[in-house]
PDB file of N, CA and C in Angstrom:
ATOM      1  N   MET A   1     131.235  17.074 -82.171  1.00  0.00           N
ATOM      2  CA  MET A   1     130.374  17.916 -82.971  1.00  0.00           C
ATOM      3  C   MET A   1     130.685  19.385 -82.706  1.00  0.00           C
ATOM      4  N   LYS A   2     130.782  20.151 -83.757  1.00  0.00           N
ATOM      5  CA  LYS A   2     131.121  21.563 -83.638  1.00  0.00           C
ATOM      6  C   LYS A   2     129.924  22.363 -83.124  1.00  0.00           C
ATOM      7  N   GLU A   3     130.179  23.209 -82.134  1.00  0.00           N
ATOM      8  CA  GLU A   3     129.133  24.059 -81.555  1.00  0.00           C
ATOM      9  C   GLU A   3     128.690  25.121 -82.559  1.00  0.00           C
ATOM     10  N   LYS A   4     127.371  25.316 -82.668  1.00  0.00           N
ATOM     11  CA  LYS A   4     126.852  26.371 -83.530  1.00  0.00           C
ATOM     12  C   LYS A   4     127.109  27.713 -82.872  1.00  0.00           C
ATOM     13  N   VAL A   5     127.414  28.714 -83.686  1.00  0.00           N
ATOM     14  CA  VAL A   5     127.663  30.046 -83.152  1.00  0.00           C
ATOM     15  C   VAL A   5     126.687  31.054 -83.749  1.00  0.00           C
ATOM     16  N   LEU A   6     126.455  32.102 -82.992  1.00  0.00           N
ATOM     17  CA  LEU A   6     125.590  33.199 -83.385  1.00  0.00           C
ATOM     18  C   LEU A   6     126.463  34.437 -83.515  1.00  0.00           C
ATOM     19  N   THR A   7     126.355  35.129 -84.623  1.00  0.00           N
ATOM     20  CA  THR A   7     127.111  36.367 -84.823  1.00  0.00           C
ATOM     21  C   THR A   7     126.161  37.536 -84.661  1.00  0.00           C
ATOM     22  N   LEU A   8     126.538  38.473 -83.801  1.00  0.00           N
ATOM     23  CA  LEU A   8     125.712  39.638 -83.513  1.00  0.00           C
ATOM     24  C   LEU A   8     126.483  40.916 -83.795  1.00  0.00           C
ATOM     25  N   ASN A   9     125.764  41.924 -84.260  1.00  0.00           N
ATOM     26  CA  ASN A   9     126.323  43.258 -84.418  1.00  0.00           C
ATOM     27  C   ASN A   9     125.780  44.112 -83.281  1.00  0.00           C
ATOM     28  N   LEU A  10     126.624  44.424 -82.302  1.00  0.00           N
ATOM     29  CA  LEU A  10     126.218  45.236 -81.163  1.00  0.00           C
ATOM     30  C   LEU A  10     126.434  46.706 -81.493  1.00  0.00           C
ATOM     31  N   LYS A  11     125.393  47.484 -81.350  1.00  0.00           N
ATOM     32  CA  LYS A  11     125.467  48.908 -81.672  1.00  0.00           C
ATOM     33  C   LYS A  11     125.390  49.715 -80.378  1.00  0.00           C
ATOM     34  N   ARG A  12     126.275  50.689 -80.244  1.00  0.00           N
ATOM     35  CA  ARG A  12     126.239  51.568 -79.078  1.00  0.00           C
ATOM     36  C   ARG A  12     126.704  52.958 -79.480  1.00  0.00           C
ATOM     37  N   ARG A  13     126.381  53.919 -78.668  1.00  0.00           N
ATOM     38  CA  ARG A  13     126.822  55.292 -78.901  1.00  0.00           C
ATOM     39  C   ARG A  13     127.837  55.649 -77.819  1.00  0.00           C
ATOM     40  N   VAL A  14     128.920  56.287 -78.253  1.00  0.00           N
ATOM     41  CA  VAL A  14     129.982  56.686 -77.343  1.00  0.00           C
ATOM     42  C   VAL A  14     130.069  58.198 -77.358  1.00  0.00           C
ATOM     43  N   LYS A  15     130.065  58.794 -76.159  1.00  0.00           N
ATOM     44  CA  LYS A  15     130.143  60.245 -76.071  1.00  0.00           C
ATOM     45  C   LYS A  15     131.585  60.686 -76.290  1.00  0.00           C
ATOM     46  N   LEU A  16     131.748  61.615 -77.221  1.00  0.00           N
ATOM     47  CA  LEU A  16     133.059  62.189 -77.484  1.00  0.00           C
ATOM     48  C   LEU A  16     133.113  63.527 -76.756  1.00  0.00           C
ATOM     49  N   ALA A  17     133.690  64.541 -77.334  1.00  0.00           N
ATOM     50  CA  ALA A  17     133.793  65.851 -76.700  1.00  0.00           C
ATOM     51  C   ALA A  17     132.465  66.606 -76.783  1.00  0.00           C
ATOM     52  N   GLY A  18     132.138  67.337 -75.717  1.00  0.00           N
ATOM     53  CA  GLY A  18     130.938  68.169 -75.711  1.00  0.00           C
ATOM     54  C   GLY A  18     129.675  67.359 -75.911  1.00  0.00           C
ATOM     55  N   ASP A  19     128.871  67.799 -76.885  1.00  0.00           N
ATOM     56  CA  ASP A  19     127.615  67.107 -77.187  1.00  0.00           C
ATOM     57  C   ASP A  19     127.746  66.173 -78.377  1.00  0.00           C
ATOM     58  N   THR A  20     128.961  65.763 -78.702  1.00  0.00           N
ATOM     59  CA  THR A  20     129.198  64.916 -79.864  1.00  0.00           C
ATOM     60  C   THR A  20     129.180  63.446 -79.454  1.00  0.00           C
ATOM     61  N   TRP A  21     128.422  62.676 -80.217  1.00  0.00           N
ATOM     62  CA  TRP A  21     128.322  61.233 -79.987  1.00  0.00           C
ATOM     63  C   TRP A  21     128.715  60.513 -81.258  1.00  0.00           C
ATOM     64  N   GLU A  22     129.276  59.320 -81.092  1.00  0.00           N
ATOM     65  CA  GLU A  22     129.658  58.507 -82.236  1.00  0.00           C
ATOM     66  C   GLU A  22     129.045  57.122 -82.082  1.00  0.00           C
ATOM     67  N   GLU A  23     128.475  56.614 -83.166  1.00  0.00           N
ATOM     68  CA  GLU A  23     127.903  55.269 -83.150  1.00  0.00           C
ATOM     69  C   GLU A  23     129.006  54.268 -83.481  1.00  0.00           C
ATOM     70  N   ARG A  24     129.084  53.226 -82.671  1.00  0.00           N
ATOM     71  CA  ARG A  24     130.076  52.173 -82.909  1.00  0.00           C
ATOM     72  C   ARG A  24     129.377  50.826 -82.980  1.00  0.00           C
ATOM     73  N   ILE A  25     129.837  50.006 -83.896  1.00  0.00           N
ATOM     74  CA  ILE A  25     129.287  48.661 -84.055  1.00  0.00           C
ATOM     75  C   ILE A  25     130.408  47.659 -83.824  1.00  0.00           C
ATOM     76  N   GLU A  26     130.135  46.714 -82.951  1.00  0.00           N
ATOM     77  CA  GLU A  26     131.109  45.667 -82.644  1.00  0.00           C
ATOM     78  C   GLU A  26     130.492  44.319 -83.018  1.00  0.00           C
ATOM     79  N   LYS A  27     131.175  43.563 -83.828  1.00  0.00           N
ATOM     80  CA  LYS A  27     130.702  42.230 -84.218  1.00  0.00           C
ATOM     81  C   LYS A  27     131.254  41.224 -83.222  1.00  0.00           C
ATOM     82  N   ILE A  28     130.350  40.432 -82.631  1.00  0.00           N
ATOM     83  CA  ILE A  28     130.767  39.402 -81.687  1.00  0.00           C
ATOM     84  C   ILE A  28     130.161  38.067 -82.097  1.00  0.00           C
ATOM     85  N   THR A  29     130.772  36.991 -81.658  1.00  0.00           N
ATOM     86  CA  THR A  29     130.202  35.659 -81.863  1.00  0.00           C
ATOM     87  C   THR A  29     130.090  34.983 -80.505  1.00  0.00           C
ATOM     88  N   ARG A  30     129.013  34.222 -80.346  1.00  0.00           N
ATOM     89  CA  ARG A  30     128.771  33.484 -79.109  1.00  0.00           C
ATOM     90  C   ARG A  30     128.267  32.097 -79.462  1.00  0.00           C
ATOM     91  N   GLU A  31     128.587  31.121 -78.636  1.00  0.00           N
ATOM     92  CA  GLU A  31     128.041  29.785 -78.805  1.00  0.00           C
ATOM     93  C   GLU A  31     126.539  29.853 -78.545  1.00  0.00           C
ATOM     94  N   VAL A  32     125.762  29.239 -79.424  1.00  0.00           N
ATOM     95  CA  VAL A  32     124.304  29.276 -79.310  1.00  0.00           C
ATOM     96  C   VAL A  32     123.841  28.762 -77.947  1.00  0.00           C
ATOM     97  N   SER A  33     124.496  27.751 -77.421  1.00  0.00           N
ATOM     98  CA  SER A  33     124.085  27.172 -76.138  1.00  0.00           C
ATOM     99  C   SER A  33     124.290  28.132 -74.968  1.00  0.00           C
ATOM    100  N   LYS A  34     124.996  29.241 -75.193  1.00  0.00           N
ATOM    101  CA  LYS A  34     125.264  30.204 -74.124  1.00  0.00           C
ATOM    102  C   LYS A  34     124.530  31.523 -74.341  1.00  0.00           C
ATOM    103  N   VAL A  35     123.516  31.495 -75.201  1.00  0.00           N
ATOM    104  CA  VAL A  35     122.755  32.704 -75.516  1.00  0.00           C
ATOM    105  C   VAL A  35     121.320  32.521 -75.030  1.00  0.00           C
ATOM    106  N   ALA A  36     120.752  33.591 -74.484  1.00  0.00           N
ATOM    107  CA  ALA A  36     119.353  33.572 -74.043  1.00  0.00           C
ATOM    108  C   ALA A  36     118.593  34.678 -74.760  1.00  0.00           C
ATOM    109  N   ILE A  37     117.302  34.484 -74.889  1.00  0.00           N
ATOM    110  CA  ILE A  37     116.421  35.520 -75.433  1.00  0.00           C
ATOM    111  C   ILE A  37     115.551  35.996 -74.280  1.00  0.00           C
ATOM    112  N   LEU A  38     115.604  37.280 -74.006  1.00  0.00           N
ATOM    113  CA  LEU A  38     114.833  37.873 -72.929  1.00  0.00           C
ATOM    114  C   LEU A  38     113.824  38.839 -73.540  1.00  0.00           C
ATOM    115  N   LEU A  39     112.545  38.580 -73.320  1.00  0.00           N
ATOM    116  CA  LEU A  39     111.491  39.445 -73.843  1.00  0.00           C
ATOM    117  C   LEU A  39     110.946  40.289 -72.703  1.00  0.00           C
ATOM    118  N   CYS A  40     110.959  41.604 -72.884  1.00  0.00           N
ATOM    119  CA  CYS A  40     110.454  42.533 -71.873  1.00  0.00           C
ATOM    120  C   CYS A  40     109.369  43.408 -72.470  1.00  0.00           C
ATOM    121  N   ASP A  41     108.387  43.729 -71.670  1.00  0.00           N
ATOM    122  CA  ASP A  41     107.315  44.648 -72.062  1.00  0.00           C
ATOM    123  C   ASP A  41     106.608  44.231 -73.338  1.00  0.00           C
ATOM    124  N   VAL A  42     106.298  42.961 -73.446  1.00  0.00           N
ATOM    125  CA  VAL A  42     105.506  42.456 -74.566  1.00  0.00           C
ATOM    126  C   VAL A  42     104.153  42.050 -73.979  1.00  0.00           C
ATOM    127  N   TRP A  43     103.101  42.679 -74.445  1.00  0.00           N
ATOM    128  CA  TRP A  43     101.774  42.463 -73.885  1.00  0.00           C
ATOM    129  C   TRP A  43     100.753  42.281 -74.988  1.00  0.00           C
ATOM    130  N   ASP A  44      99.594  41.781 -74.623  1.00  0.00           N
ATOM    131  CA  ASP A  44      98.543  41.593 -75.621  1.00  0.00           C
ATOM    132  C   ASP A  44      97.611  42.802 -75.684  1.00  0.00           C
ATOM    133  N   ASN A  45      97.704  43.700 -74.708  1.00  0.00           N
ATOM    134  CA  ASN A  45      96.906  44.922 -74.716  1.00  0.00           C
ATOM    135  C   ASN A  45      97.610  45.959 -73.852  1.00  0.00           C
ATOM    136  N   HIS A  46      97.364  47.232 -74.112  1.00  0.00           N
ATOM    137  CA  HIS A  46      98.012  48.293 -73.360  1.00  0.00           C
ATOM    138  C   HIS A  46      97.128  49.520 -73.401  1.00  0.00           C
ATOM    139  N   TRP A  47      97.152  50.307 -72.344  1.00  0.00           N
ATOM    140  CA  TRP A  47      96.319  51.514 -72.291  1.00  0.00           C
ATOM    141  C   TRP A  47      96.775  52.569 -73.291  1.00  0.00           C
ATOM    142  N   CYS A  48      98.051  52.533 -73.680  1.00  0.00           N
ATOM    143  CA  CYS A  48      98.590  53.499 -74.637  1.00  0.00           C
ATOM    144  C   CYS A  48      98.471  52.918 -76.047  1.00  0.00           C
ATOM    145  N   GLY A  49      97.677  53.567 -76.887  1.00  0.00           N
ATOM    146  CA  GLY A  49      97.462  53.076 -78.250  1.00  0.00           C
ATOM    147  C   GLY A  49      98.745  52.972 -79.050  1.00  0.00           C
ATOM    148  N   GLY A  50      99.655  53.953 -78.900  1.00  0.00           N
ATOM    149  CA  GLY A  50     100.924  53.928 -79.633  1.00  0.00           C
ATOM    150  C   GLY A  50     101.787  52.744 -79.234  1.00  0.00           C
ATOM    151  N   ALA A  51     101.834  52.457 -77.927  1.00  0.00           N
ATOM    152  CA  ALA A  51     102.614  51.316 -77.448  1.00  0.00           C
ATOM    153  C   ALA A  51     102.023  50.015 -77.980  1.00  0.00           C
ATOM    154  N   LYS A  52     100.711  49.909 -77.978  1.00  0.00           N
ATOM    155  CA  LYS A  52     100.052  48.707 -78.492  1.00  0.00           C
ATOM    156  C   LYS A  52     100.354  48.511 -79.974  1.00  0.00           C
ATOM    157  N   ARG A  53     100.326  49.591 -80.742  1.00  0.00           N
ATOM    158  CA  ARG A  53     100.613  49.492 -82.189  1.00  0.00           C
ATOM    159  C   ARG A  53     102.055  49.030 -82.426  1.00  0.00           C
ATOM    160  N   ARG A  54     102.989  49.540 -81.629  1.00  0.00           N
ATOM    161  CA  ARG A  54     104.394  49.122 -81.794  1.00  0.00           C
ATOM    162  C   ARG A  54     104.552  47.631 -81.516  1.00  0.00           C
ATOM    163  N   VAL A  55     103.935  47.153 -80.430  1.00  0.00           N
ATOM    164  CA  VAL A  55     104.029  45.726 -80.116  1.00  0.00           C
ATOM    165  C   VAL A  55     103.339  44.898 -81.196  1.00  0.00           C
ATOM    166  N   ASP A  56     102.189  45.372 -81.679  1.00  0.00           N
ATOM    167  CA  ASP A  56     101.489  44.656 -82.750  1.00  0.00           C
ATOM    168  C   ASP A  56     102.375  44.516 -83.987  1.00  0.00           C
ATOM    169  N   MET A  57     103.184  45.531 -84.273  1.00  0.00           N
ATOM    170  CA  MET A  57     104.087  45.472 -85.436  1.00  0.00           C
ATOM    171  C   MET A  57     105.261  44.529 -85.183  1.00  0.00           C
ATOM    172  N   LEU A  58     105.766  44.509 -83.958  1.00  0.00           N
ATOM    173  CA  LEU A  58     106.935  43.692 -83.626  1.00  0.00           C
ATOM    174  C   LEU A  58     106.600  42.230 -83.360  1.00  0.00           C
ATOM    175  N   ALA A  59     105.389  41.955 -82.895  1.00  0.00           N
ATOM    176  CA  ALA A  59     105.025  40.608 -82.452  1.00  0.00           C
ATOM    177  C   ALA A  59     105.284  39.512 -83.486  1.00  0.00           C
ATOM    178  N   PRO A  60     104.931  39.699 -84.761  1.00  0.00           N
ATOM    179  CA  PRO A  60     105.199  38.627 -85.729  1.00  0.00           C
ATOM    180  C   PRO A  60     106.693  38.300 -85.861  1.00  0.00           C
ATOM    181  N   GLU A  61     107.534  39.314 -85.836  1.00  0.00           N
ATOM    182  CA  GLU A  61     108.983  39.077 -85.949  1.00  0.00           C
ATOM    183  C   GLU A  61     109.519  38.438 -84.680  1.00  0.00           C
ATOM    184  N   ILE A  62     109.043  38.875 -83.522  1.00  0.00           N
ATOM    185  CA  ILE A  62     109.433  38.249 -82.269  1.00  0.00           C
ATOM    186  C   ILE A  62     109.054  36.772 -82.282  1.00  0.00           C
ATOM    187  N   ASN A  63     107.841  36.474 -82.716  1.00  0.00           N
ATOM    188  CA  ASN A  63     107.367  35.095 -82.786  1.00  0.00           C
ATOM    189  C   ASN A  63     108.222  34.256 -83.731  1.00  0.00           C
ATOM    190  N   ARG A  64     108.606  34.826 -84.858  1.00  0.00           N
ATOM    191  CA  ARG A  64     109.436  34.115 -85.829  1.00  0.00           C
ATOM    192  C   ARG A  64     110.790  33.748 -85.208  1.00  0.00           C
ATOM    193  N   VAL A  65     111.427  34.728 -84.576  1.00  0.00           N
ATOM    194  CA  VAL A  65     112.756  34.508 -83.993  1.00  0.00           C
ATOM    195  C   VAL A  65     112.692  33.488 -82.855  1.00  0.00           C
ATOM    196  N   VAL A  66     111.714  33.627 -81.966  1.00  0.00           N
ATOM    197  CA  VAL A  66     111.594  32.707 -80.834  1.00  0.00           C
ATOM    198  C   VAL A  66     111.274  31.298 -81.314  1.00  0.00           C
ATOM    199  N   SER A  67     110.458  31.180 -82.356  1.00  0.00           N
ATOM    200  CA  SER A  67     110.132  29.865 -82.895  1.00  0.00           C
ATOM    201  C   SER A  67     111.349  29.160 -83.474  1.00  0.00           C
ATOM    202  N   ILE A  68     112.222  29.915 -84.123  1.00  0.00           N
ATOM    203  CA  ILE A  68     113.459  29.335 -84.661  1.00  0.00           C
ATOM    204  C   ILE A  68     114.374  28.892 -83.528  1.00  0.00           C
ATOM    205  N   ALA A  69     114.446  29.723 -82.497  1.00  0.00           N
ATOM    206  CA  ALA A  69     115.323  29.408 -81.340  1.00  0.00           C
ATOM    207  C   ALA A  69     114.847  28.153 -80.659  1.00  0.00           C
TER     208      ALA A  69
END
C-alpha cells in the first residue's frame, strides 16, 4: 500500500544585505506517518483579552485540522 504524503509550503525570511529581508517559500512533502501536530499556547481563557480573541478565532480551524488528522 502506498504511503500517504502531506505537502507543505514552508515560509521563511532570509536576511540579505543591510536591513533587507526576502521571503522564501519551500515546498516539501513528508509521509503522513512521520508528521506530528504540536499545539502550543492554546487555552480556554487568558488574562489578555487580545490573546483570548486570537485563540477564539483560531480554535475552530485548529479543531477541524486535528479532527481530520
